Amino acid sequence: MTEFVKLAIDEKTSPSFFGRWLLLHIKSDWEPKDSGSLGKVFKTGSLIYVDAQAFLEFSKAKAEGNEDAIKEAATNLEYHVLFEPTETTSYAGYSTTKNYLILYMLDDVKEKIEVNRLGEGGGAFVLESGDKEGGMLSLSASGIDSRDSDLLWYTTSSYLQPSTLHIADVTKYGEDDFIIDKLKALPDMVRGLSGLFYHRFY
């Protein structure tokens, strides 16, 4: 029979899972006083992660009120920060492929992404690349088959480029052969003297 465990997190915190990791989107400042990060306060809007099994054991001990078990479980907790907001940046979500987590953020209202690869054996994330698509108004990426593939649906748009959907290989993000195929695009948008109109180039 499945055993349910109440996670020892604030009700405003949003949990999710990827591989062996529990990801936590912090929605109010959080200081995990009895769980491995004494003195550390995670800012509102941060995305952090911790070993899921270790946190489940800690949460179970908390629910049972077993102080000895809480202290023992806490020694196995190590928190990692994937994103922490600044004066100009904010968290906007993430998507995954088989081995990668694509982090979305807003920087002065401009959308940016970071590509993070799971470490060897599913270990801690390694930052592969930050945003290299300078000048883009909008970027989005989502796994085509996140269980078996590192291919993406990848959409871009800018002042000069209409929204365009591609198939891309996240393992080559930032390289010339990142885009595998351009699938479709909205008509190019041109502003003429008579007003705004659309023109399709063939």
C-alpha atoms as a PDB file:
ATOM      1  CA  MET A   1       0.000   0.000   0.000  1.00  0.00           C
ATOM      2  CA  THR A   2       1.317   3.453  -0.947  1.00  0.00           C
ATOM      3  CA  GLU A   3       2.377   5.573   2.016  1.00  0.00           C
ATOM      4  CA  PHE A   4       1.649   9.274   1.701  1.00  0.00           C
ATOM      5  CA  VAL A   5       3.973  11.746   3.374  1.00  0.00           C
ATOM      6  CA  LYS A   6       3.143  15.377   4.119  1.00  0.00           C
ATOM      7  CA  LEU A   7       6.074  17.430   2.895  1.00  0.00           C
ATOM      8  CA  ALA A   8       7.682  19.671   5.515  1.00  0.00           C
ATOM      9  CA  ILE A   9       7.311  22.821   3.442  1.00  0.00           C
ATOM     10  CA  ASP A  10       5.357  26.046   3.672  1.00  0.00           C
ATOM     11  CA  GLU A  11       1.909  25.847   2.097  1.00  0.00           C
ATOM     12  CA  LYS A  12       2.958  28.574  -0.349  1.00  0.00           C
ATOM     13  CA  THR A  13       5.874  26.486  -1.646  1.00  0.00           C
ATOM     14  CA  SER A  14       5.277  24.570  -4.887  1.00  0.00           C
ATOM     15  CA  PRO A  15       6.943  21.114  -5.082  1.00  0.00           C
ATOM     16  CA  SER A  16       7.754  19.076  -8.185  1.00  0.00           C
ATOM     17  CA  PHE A  17      10.027  16.150  -9.021  1.00  0.00           C
ATOM     18  CA  PHE A  18      12.687  15.514 -11.628  1.00  0.00           C
ATOM     19  CA  GLY A  19      14.860  12.410 -11.451  1.00  0.00           C
ATOM     20  CA  ARG A  20      16.027  11.899  -7.866  1.00  0.00           C
ATOM     21  CA  TRP A  21      15.393  15.551  -7.009  1.00  0.00           C
ATOM     22  CA  LEU A  22      12.583  17.415  -5.301  1.00  0.00           C
ATOM     23  CA  LEU A  23      12.321  20.939  -6.701  1.00  0.00           C
ATOM     24  CA  LEU A  24      10.817  23.675  -4.538  1.00  0.00           C
ATOM     25  CA  HIS A  25       9.586  27.030  -5.843  1.00  0.00           C
ATOM     26  CA  ILE A  26       9.773  29.297  -2.798  1.00  0.00           C
ATOM     27  CA  LYS A  27       6.923  31.823  -2.660  1.00  0.00           C
ATOM     28  CA  SER A  28       7.798  33.418   0.652  1.00  0.00           C
ATOM     29  CA  ASP A  29      11.188  33.775   2.361  1.00  0.00           C
ATOM     30  CA  TRP A  30      12.089  30.431   3.932  1.00  0.00           C
ATOM     31  CA  GLU A  31      14.735  29.544   6.515  1.00  0.00           C
ATOM     32  CA  PRO A  32      14.877  25.746   6.974  1.00  0.00           C
ATOM     33  CA  LYS A  33      15.986  25.992  10.616  1.00  0.00           C
ATOM     34  CA  ASP A  34      15.996  22.271  11.350  1.00  0.00           C
ATOM     35  CA  SER A  35      16.744  20.811   7.954  1.00  0.00           C
ATOM     36  CA  GLY A  36      20.343  21.184   6.926  1.00  0.00           C
ATOM     37  CA  SER A  37      20.749  24.872   6.053  1.00  0.00           C
ATOM     38  CA  LEU A  38      20.986  26.706   9.367  1.00  0.00           C
ATOM     39  CA  GLY A  39      21.206  30.462   8.887  1.00  0.00           C
ATOM     40  CA  LYS A  40      20.364  30.284   5.179  1.00  0.00           C
ATOM     41  CA  VAL A  41      17.253  32.135   4.035  1.00  0.00           C
ATOM     42  CA  PHE A  42      15.943  31.273   0.585  1.00  0.00           C
ATOM     43  CA  LYS A  43      14.395  34.320  -1.049  1.00  0.00           C
ATOM     44  CA  THR A  44      10.846  34.547  -2.299  1.00  0.00           C
ATOM     45  CA  GLY A  45      10.818  33.494  -5.929  1.00  0.00           C
ATOM     46  CA  SER A  46      13.784  31.129  -5.665  1.00  0.00           C
ATOM     47  CA  LEU A  47      13.876  27.652  -7.197  1.00  0.00           C
ATOM     48  CA  ILE A  48      15.864  25.181  -5.105  1.00  0.00           C
ATOM     49  CA  TYR A  49      16.275  21.415  -5.111  1.00  0.00           C
ATOM     50  CA  VAL A  50      17.116  18.677  -2.643  1.00  0.00           C
ATOM     51  CA  ASP A  51      17.377  14.881  -2.717  1.00  0.00           C
ATOM     52  CA  ALA A  52      13.762  13.707  -2.779  1.00  0.00           C
ATOM     53  CA  GLN A  53      14.185  10.537  -0.723  1.00  0.00           C
ATOM     54  CA  ALA A  54      16.157  12.364   1.971  1.00  0.00           C
ATOM     55  CA  PHE A  55      13.508  15.072   2.180  1.00  0.00           C
ATOM     56  CA  LEU A  56      10.704  12.509   2.363  1.00  0.00           C
ATOM     57  CA  GLU A  57      12.467  10.817   5.299  1.00  0.00           C
ATOM     58  CA  PHE A  58      12.887  14.199   6.974  1.00  0.00           C
ATOM     59  CA  SER A  59       9.227  15.090   6.366  1.00  0.00           C
ATOM     60  CA  LYS A  60       8.091  11.763   7.793  1.00  0.00           C
ATOM     61  CA  ALA A  61      10.134  12.349  10.943  1.00  0.00           C
ATOM     62  CA  LYS A  62       8.667  15.854  11.258  1.00  0.00           C
ATOM     63  CA  ALA A  63       5.130  14.519  10.931  1.00  0.00           C
ATOM     64  CA  GLU A  64       5.799  11.952  13.645  1.00  0.00           C
ATOM     65  CA  GLY A  65       7.411  14.560  15.907  1.00  0.00           C
ATOM     66  CA  ASN A  66      10.433  12.335  16.475  1.00  0.00           C
ATOM     67  CA  GLU A  67      13.223  14.788  17.379  1.00  0.00           C
ATOM     68  CA  ASP A  68      16.029  12.229  17.152  1.00  0.00           C
ATOM     69  CA  ALA A  69      14.818  11.066  13.742  1.00  0.00           C
ATOM     70  CA  ILE A  70      14.477  14.694  12.602  1.00  0.00           C
ATOM     71  CA  LYS A  71      18.096  15.457  13.526  1.00  0.00           C
ATOM     72  CA  GLU A  72      19.360  12.294  11.854  1.00  0.00           C
ATOM     73  CA  ALA A  73      17.351  12.879   8.680  1.00  0.00           C
ATOM     74  CA  ALA A  74      18.462  16.519   8.521  1.00  0.00           C
ATOM     75  CA  THR A  75      22.106  15.444   8.206  1.00  0.00           C
ATOM     76  CA  ASN A  76      21.272  13.965   4.782  1.00  0.00           C
ATOM     77  CA  LEU A  77      19.753  17.164   3.422  1.00  0.00           C
ATOM     78  CA  GLU A  78      21.696  19.430   1.105  1.00  0.00           C
ATOM     79  CA  TYR A  79      19.898  22.250  -0.678  1.00  0.00           C
ATOM     80  CA  HIS A  80      21.000  23.516  -4.082  1.00  0.00           C
ATOM     81  CA  VAL A  81      19.873  26.783  -5.690  1.00  0.00           C
ATOM     82  CA  LEU A  82      18.847  26.702  -9.352  1.00  0.00           C
ATOM     83  CA  PHE A  83      17.540  30.263  -9.378  1.00  0.00           C
ATOM     84  CA  GLU A  84      17.491  33.195  -6.978  1.00  0.00           C
ATOM     85  CA  PRO A  85      15.787  36.441  -8.018  1.00  0.00           C
ATOM     86  CA  THR A  86      17.567  39.770  -8.237  1.00  0.00           C
ATOM     87  CA  GLU A  87      16.331  43.347  -8.641  1.00  0.00           C
ATOM     88  CA  THR A  88      15.915  42.761 -12.380  1.00  0.00           C
ATOM     89  CA  THR A  89      15.263  39.007 -12.701  1.00  0.00           C
ATOM     90  CA  SER A  90      12.330  36.813 -11.720  1.00  0.00           C
ATOM     91  CA  TYR A  91      11.455  33.134 -12.065  1.00  0.00           C
ATOM     92  CA  ALA A  92       9.109  32.198 -14.915  1.00  0.00           C
ATOM     93  CA  GLY A  93       9.035  28.394 -14.805  1.00  0.00           C
ATOM     94  CA  TYR A  94      10.883  25.416 -16.256  1.00  0.00           C
ATOM     95  CA  SER A  95      10.506  22.433 -18.564  1.00  0.00           C
ATOM     96  CA  THR A  96      12.476  19.212 -18.883  1.00  0.00           C
ATOM     97  CA  THR A  97      13.862  16.700 -21.336  1.00  0.00           C
ATOM     98  CA  LYS A  98      15.335  13.324 -20.419  1.00  0.00           C
ATOM     99  CA  ASN A  99      18.565  14.798 -19.042  1.00  0.00           C
ATOM    100  CA  TYR A 100      18.066  18.569 -19.000  1.00  0.00           C
ATOM    101  CA  LEU A 101      16.099  21.206 -17.131  1.00  0.00           C
ATOM    102  CA  ILE A 102      15.402  24.406 -19.067  1.00  0.00           C
ATOM    103  CA  LEU A 103      14.891  27.294 -16.670  1.00  0.00           C
ATOM    104  CA  TYR A 104      12.839  30.309 -17.758  1.00  0.00           C
ATOM    105  CA  MET A 105      13.325  33.740 -16.258  1.00  0.00           C
ATOM    106  CA  LEU A 106      12.426  37.354 -16.905  1.00  0.00           C
ATOM    107  CA  ASP A 107      15.214  39.925 -16.966  1.00  0.00           C
ATOM    108  CA  ASP A 108      13.835  43.468 -17.209  1.00  0.00           C
ATOM    109  CA  VAL A 109      10.729  41.898 -18.802  1.00  0.00           C
ATOM    110  CA  LYS A 110      12.829  40.155 -21.466  1.00  0.00           C
ATOM    111  CA  GLU A 111      12.509  36.367 -21.490  1.00  0.00           C
ATOM    112  CA  LYS A 112      15.698  34.350 -21.000  1.00  0.00           C
ATOM    113  CA  ILE A 113      16.510  30.681 -20.533  1.00  0.00           C
ATOM    114  CA  GLU A 114      19.227  28.663 -18.839  1.00  0.00           C
ATOM    115  CA  VAL A 115      20.041  25.083 -19.766  1.00  0.00           C
ATOM    116  CA  ASN A 116      20.935  22.809 -16.846  1.00  0.00           C
ATOM    117  CA  ARG A 117      22.117  19.221 -17.317  1.00  0.00           C
ATOM    118  CA  LEU A 118      21.694  16.466 -14.750  1.00  0.00           C
ATOM    119  CA  GLY A 119      25.064  15.509 -13.337  1.00  0.00           C
ATOM    120  CA  GLU A 120      26.640  12.101 -13.817  1.00  0.00           C
ATOM    121  CA  GLY A 121      24.386   9.356 -12.512  1.00  0.00           C
ATOM    122  CA  GLY A 122      21.526  11.823 -12.049  1.00  0.00           C
ATOM    123  CA  GLY A 123      23.592  14.034  -9.748  1.00  0.00           C
ATOM    124  CA  ALA A 124      23.350  17.761  -9.045  1.00  0.00           C
ATOM    125  CA  PHE A 125      22.550  20.001 -12.004  1.00  0.00           C
ATOM    126  CA  VAL A 126      25.350  21.499 -14.062  1.00  0.00           C
ATOM    127  CA  LEU A 127      24.751  24.828 -15.823  1.00  0.00           C
ATOM    128  CA  GLU A 128      25.449  24.175 -19.489  1.00  0.00           C
ATOM    129  CA  SER A 129      24.564  27.545 -20.963  1.00  0.00           C
ATOM    130  CA  GLY A 130      22.782  30.808 -20.314  1.00  0.00           C
ATOM    131  CA  ASP A 131      20.683  32.719 -22.858  1.00  0.00           C
ATOM    132  CA  LYS A 132      22.477  33.135 -26.178  1.00  0.00           C
ATOM    133  CA  GLU A 133      19.474  34.362 -28.152  1.00  0.00           C
ATOM    134  CA  GLY A 134      20.143  38.082 -27.798  1.00  0.00           C
ATOM    135  CA  GLY A 135      17.350  40.386 -28.919  1.00  0.00           C
ATOM    136  CA  MET A 136      14.544  37.873 -28.504  1.00  0.00           C
ATOM    137  CA  LEU A 137      11.258  39.077 -27.076  1.00  0.00           C
ATOM    138  CA  SER A 138      10.030  35.568 -26.386  1.00  0.00           C
ATOM    139  CA  LEU A 139      11.668  32.178 -25.947  1.00  0.00           C
ATOM    140  CA  SER A 140      10.089  28.870 -25.006  1.00  0.00           C
ATOM    141  CA  ALA A 141      11.257  25.290 -25.022  1.00  0.00           C
ATOM    142  CA  SER A 142       9.578  22.048 -24.016  1.00  0.00           C
ATOM    143  CA  GLY A 143      10.626  18.431 -24.319  1.00  0.00           C
ATOM    144  CA  ILE A 144       9.164  16.447 -27.183  1.00  0.00           C
ATOM    145  CA  ASP A 145       9.402  13.250 -25.118  1.00  0.00           C
ATOM    146  CA  SER A 146      10.917  14.091 -21.758  1.00  0.00           C
ATOM    147  CA  ARG A 147      11.215  10.424 -20.727  1.00  0.00           C
ATOM    148  CA  ASP A 148      13.297   9.246 -23.675  1.00  0.00           C
ATOM    149  CA  SER A 149      14.691  12.218 -25.586  1.00  0.00           C
ATOM    150  CA  ASP A 150      16.598  15.511 -25.304  1.00  0.00           C
ATOM    151  CA  LEU A 151      14.825  17.005 -28.315  1.00  0.00           C
ATOM    152  CA  LEU A 152      12.778  20.196 -27.902  1.00  0.00           C
ATOM    153  CA  TRP A 153       9.920  22.124 -29.354  1.00  0.00           C
ATOM    154  CA  TYR A 154      11.654  25.522 -29.479  1.00  0.00           C
ATOM    155  CA  THR A 155       9.812  28.774 -30.209  1.00  0.00           C
ATOM    156  CA  THR A 156      11.364  32.217 -30.728  1.00  0.00           C
ATOM    157  CA  SER A 157      10.160  35.672 -31.653  1.00  0.00           C
ATOM    158  CA  SER A 158      11.637  39.183 -31.810  1.00  0.00           C
ATOM    159  CA  TYR A 159      10.930  42.601 -33.279  1.00  0.00           C
ATOM    160  CA  LEU A 160      12.420  41.426 -36.564  1.00  0.00           C
ATOM    161  CA  GLN A 161      11.417  37.763 -36.469  1.00  0.00           C
ATOM    162  CA  PRO A 162       7.846  36.469 -36.184  1.00  0.00           C
ATOM    163  CA  SER A 163       7.035  33.598 -33.836  1.00  0.00           C
ATOM    164  CA  THR A 164       8.789  30.544 -35.215  1.00  0.00           C
ATOM    165  CA  LEU A 165       8.562  26.909 -34.113  1.00  0.00           C
ATOM    166  CA  HIS A 166      11.591  24.630 -34.443  1.00  0.00           C
ATOM    167  CA  ILE A 167      12.749  21.176 -33.465  1.00  0.00           C
ATOM    168  CA  ALA A 168      16.025  21.513 -31.578  1.00  0.00           C
ATOM    169  CA  ASP A 169      18.574  19.377 -29.740  1.00  0.00           C
ATOM    170  CA  VAL A 170      19.124  20.769 -26.244  1.00  0.00           C
ATOM    171  CA  THR A 171      22.497  18.995 -25.984  1.00  0.00           C
ATOM    172  CA  LYS A 172      23.749  21.449 -28.630  1.00  0.00           C
ATOM    173  CA  TYR A 173      22.222  24.646 -27.226  1.00  0.00           C
ATOM    174  CA  GLY A 174      24.342  27.619 -28.238  1.00  0.00           C
ATOM    175  CA  GLU A 175      25.941  25.757 -31.143  1.00  0.00           C
ATOM    176  CA  ASP A 176      25.318  26.270 -34.856  1.00  0.00           C
ATOM    177  CA  ASP A 177      23.533  22.921 -35.219  1.00  0.00           C
ATOM    178  CA  PHE A 178      21.223  23.432 -32.202  1.00  0.00           C
ATOM    179  CA  ILE A 179      18.223  23.889 -34.525  1.00  0.00           C
ATOM    180  CA  ILE A 180      17.431  20.641 -36.330  1.00  0.00           C
ATOM    181  CA  ASP A 181      14.456  21.828 -38.349  1.00  0.00           C
ATOM    182  CA  LYS A 182      12.264  24.912 -38.758  1.00  0.00           C
ATOM    183  CA  LEU A 183       8.663  23.732 -38.734  1.00  0.00           C
ATOM    184  CA  LYS A 184       6.492  26.817 -39.168  1.00  0.00           C
ATOM    185  CA  ALA A 185       6.378  30.572 -38.632  1.00  0.00           C
ATOM    186  CA  LEU A 186       3.793  33.313 -38.460  1.00  0.00           C
ATOM    187  CA  PRO A 187       3.801  35.817 -41.352  1.00  0.00           C
ATOM    188  CA  ASP A 188       6.466  38.501 -41.174  1.00  0.00           C
ATOM    189  CA  MET A 189       5.144  41.723 -39.701  1.00  0.00           C
ATOM    190  CA  VAL A 190       5.998  44.966 -41.497  1.00  0.00           C
ATOM    191  CA  ARG A 191       4.979  48.490 -40.533  1.00  0.00           C
ATOM    192  CA  GLY A 192       4.230  50.651 -43.555  1.00  0.00           C
ATOM    193  CA  LEU A 193       3.225  54.292 -43.931  1.00  0.00           C
ATOM    194  CA  SER A 194      -0.395  53.333 -44.223  1.00  0.00           C
ATOM    195  CA  GLY A 195      -0.366  51.383 -40.955  1.00  0.00           C
ATOM    196  CA  LEU A 196       0.446  47.908 -39.718  1.00  0.00           C
ATOM    197  CA  PHE A 197       0.059  45.087 -42.164  1.00  0.00           C
ATOM    198  CA  TYR A 198       1.304  41.564 -42.708  1.00  0.00           C
ATOM    199  CA  HIS A 199       3.316  40.419 -45.654  1.00  0.00           C
ATOM    200  CA  ARG A 200       4.204  36.814 -46.351  1.00  0.00           C
ATOM    201  CA  PHE A 201       7.567  36.268 -47.983  1.00  0.00           C
ATOM    202  CA  TYR A 202       7.859  33.330 -50.337  1.00  0.00           C
END
